[in-house]
């Protein structure tokens, strides 16, 4: 008998979950309305942080502009074992490095043979590009050029 009652309860639950919401004229509509109503202040829509209007002192970008404004070099023909710190050390000898990104396979984490190195100063980036392009590093010849945005 317990097995039969359990089946009835599951059947009732399944029917309840697949029922359509009550119509506007239905007396159960008032009970369902608060859950379906938008939050006070009208309907809301997600706005990414970069698109939000911000007041003074609320900027998320760096003082000199966004990271897209940084002079960035694309470094190719690096070994798959190259780490961010390796490149930070190599390019840091020319001046302040703001950011290093090494392209990696999402599944294995193995390097894909390219990286982006961003500098705070364009002149430092230019000098680093001139000095490292065509030079040997980790048994490979580096290809260093300006990154396209």
Protein backbone atom coordinates (compact mmCIF):
# COMPACT_ATOMS: atom_id res chain seq x y z
CA UNK A 1 0.00 0.00 0.00
CA UNK A 2 2.90 2.39 0.84
CA UNK A 3 4.32 1.88 -2.70
CA UNK A 4 0.95 2.80 -4.23
CA UNK A 5 0.69 6.02 -2.12
CA UNK A 6 4.26 6.98 -3.11
CA UNK A 7 3.37 6.61 -6.81
CA UNK A 8 0.28 8.76 -6.34
CA UNK A 9 2.33 11.46 -4.59
CA UNK A 10 4.94 11.45 -7.37
CA UNK A 11 2.22 11.57 -10.03
CA UNK A 12 0.53 14.51 -8.27
CA UNK A 13 3.88 16.33 -7.96
CA UNK A 14 4.68 15.76 -11.63
CA UNK A 15 1.25 17.10 -12.68
CA UNK A 16 1.68 20.09 -10.41
CA UNK A 17 5.06 20.96 -11.94
CA UNK A 18 3.80 20.73 -15.52
CA UNK A 19 0.61 22.74 -14.99
CA UNK A 20 0.39 26.12 -16.67
CA UNK A 21 0.30 29.23 -14.47
CA UNK A 22 -3.19 30.51 -13.53
CA UNK A 23 -4.91 32.93 -15.86
CA UNK A 24 -5.66 36.52 -14.84
CA UNK A 25 -9.30 35.75 -13.96
CA UNK A 26 -8.45 32.73 -11.82
CA UNK A 27 -8.78 33.08 -8.02
CA UNK A 28 -5.31 31.52 -7.55
CA UNK A 29 -3.78 34.27 -9.68
CA UNK A 30 -3.53 36.65 -6.72
CA UNK A 31 -1.37 34.16 -4.81
CA UNK A 32 0.97 33.69 -7.78
CA UNK A 33 1.19 37.38 -8.71
CA UNK A 34 3.70 38.52 -6.04
CA UNK A 35 6.25 35.88 -7.12
CA UNK A 36 5.97 36.86 -10.80
CA UNK A 37 5.86 40.63 -10.30
CA UNK A 38 9.04 42.60 -11.10
CA UNK A 39 10.98 44.13 -8.24
CA UNK A 40 9.91 47.51 -6.97
CA UNK A 41 11.09 50.21 -9.33
CA UNK A 42 10.08 48.47 -12.54
CA UNK A 43 11.71 45.76 -14.59
CA UNK A 44 15.46 45.51 -14.26
CA UNK A 45 17.99 44.64 -16.91
CA UNK A 46 21.57 43.57 -16.30
CA UNK A 47 24.11 46.21 -17.29
CA UNK A 48 27.77 45.14 -17.41
CA UNK A 49 30.10 47.21 -15.20
CA UNK A 50 31.85 48.70 -18.22
CA UNK A 51 28.53 50.14 -19.48
CA UNK A 52 27.27 51.56 -16.15
CA UNK A 53 27.17 55.27 -15.47
CA UNK A 54 29.49 55.89 -12.58
CA UNK A 55 29.85 58.78 -10.23
CA UNK A 56 33.12 60.49 -9.38
CA UNK A 57 35.68 58.16 -7.86
CA UNK A 58 33.94 55.02 -9.09
CA UNK A 59 35.98 54.30 -12.21
CA UNK A 60 37.20 50.74 -12.51
CA UNK A 61 39.85 51.61 -15.06
CA UNK A 62 43.41 52.57 -14.31
CA UNK A 63 44.26 56.28 -14.02
CA UNK A 64 45.83 56.52 -17.49
CA UNK A 65 42.96 54.76 -19.25
CA UNK A 66 41.83 51.20 -19.82
CA UNK A 67 44.16 48.25 -20.28
CA UNK A 68 43.23 48.32 -23.98
CA UNK A 69 45.09 51.63 -24.15
CA UNK A 70 48.32 50.06 -22.92
CA UNK A 71 51.06 49.56 -25.50
CA UNK A 72 51.04 45.80 -26.01
CA UNK A 73 53.41 43.49 -27.84
CA UNK A 74 52.42 40.14 -29.31
CA UNK A 75 55.19 37.63 -28.73
CA UNK A 76 55.11 34.45 -30.81
CA UNK A 77 57.33 31.39 -31.17
CA UNK A 78 57.72 30.87 -27.44
CA UNK A 79 58.01 27.40 -25.96
CA UNK A 80 54.95 25.72 -24.48
CA UNK A 81 56.71 25.72 -21.10
CA UNK A 82 57.10 29.51 -20.96
CA UNK A 83 55.42 31.05 -17.92
CA UNK A 84 54.14 34.59 -17.29
CA UNK A 85 56.98 35.24 -14.84
CA UNK A 86 59.58 34.21 -17.44
CA UNK A 87 58.32 36.87 -19.84
CA UNK A 88 57.88 39.44 -17.07
CA UNK A 89 61.54 38.92 -16.19
CA UNK A 90 62.71 39.08 -19.83
CA UNK A 91 60.72 42.20 -20.78
CA UNK A 92 60.97 43.81 -17.34
CA UNK A 93 64.64 44.52 -18.02
CA UNK A 94 63.49 47.24 -20.48
CA UNK A 95 61.03 48.96 -18.15
CA UNK A 96 57.81 48.54 -16.19
CA UNK A 97 55.61 45.69 -17.45
CA UNK A 98 51.92 46.23 -16.69
CA UNK A 99 50.51 42.86 -17.75
CA UNK A 100 51.60 39.51 -19.20
CA UNK A 101 49.25 36.96 -20.74
CA UNK A 102 50.43 33.59 -22.06
CA UNK A 103 47.96 31.78 -24.35
CA UNK A 104 47.15 28.34 -22.98
CA UNK A 105 45.02 25.37 -24.00
CA UNK A 106 41.87 25.40 -21.85
CA UNK A 107 41.87 21.66 -21.25
CA UNK A 108 45.55 20.88 -20.71
CA UNK A 109 46.98 24.23 -19.59
CA UNK A 110 49.89 23.80 -22.01
CA UNK A 111 51.15 27.00 -23.65
CA UNK A 112 50.09 27.66 -27.24
CA UNK A 113 53.30 29.42 -28.24
CA UNK A 114 52.17 33.05 -28.00
CA UNK A 115 51.86 35.75 -25.38
CA UNK A 116 50.91 39.39 -24.94
CA UNK A 117 53.10 41.74 -22.92
CA UNK A 118 51.71 45.16 -22.02
CA UNK A 119 53.84 48.07 -20.90
CA UNK A 120 52.92 51.31 -19.18
CA UNK A 121 55.10 53.36 -21.53
CA UNK A 122 55.01 53.12 -25.33
CA UNK A 123 58.67 54.05 -25.72
CA UNK A 124 59.70 51.20 -23.40
CA UNK A 125 57.53 48.79 -25.42
CA UNK A 126 59.10 49.98 -28.69
CA UNK A 127 62.62 49.51 -27.34
CA UNK A 128 61.75 46.03 -25.96
CA UNK A 129 60.31 45.03 -29.35
CA UNK A 130 63.44 46.20 -31.20
CA UNK A 131 65.79 44.38 -28.82
CA UNK A 132 63.90 41.07 -28.55
CA UNK A 133 62.47 40.53 -32.04
CA UNK A 134 64.58 37.89 -33.82
CA UNK A 135 66.55 37.03 -30.70
CA UNK A 136 66.92 33.54 -29.30
CA UNK A 137 65.02 32.64 -26.15
CA UNK A 138 64.60 29.15 -24.71
CA UNK A 139 66.10 27.59 -27.90
CA UNK A 140 63.59 29.44 -30.15
CA UNK A 141 63.72 32.67 -32.15
CA UNK A 142 61.21 35.20 -30.82
CA UNK A 143 58.85 37.09 -33.10
CA UNK A 144 57.78 40.32 -31.38
CA UNK A 145 55.46 42.90 -32.94
CA UNK A 146 52.78 45.38 -31.96
CA UNK A 147 49.53 43.76 -30.94
CA UNK A 148 46.49 44.56 -33.10
CA UNK A 149 43.48 45.74 -31.17
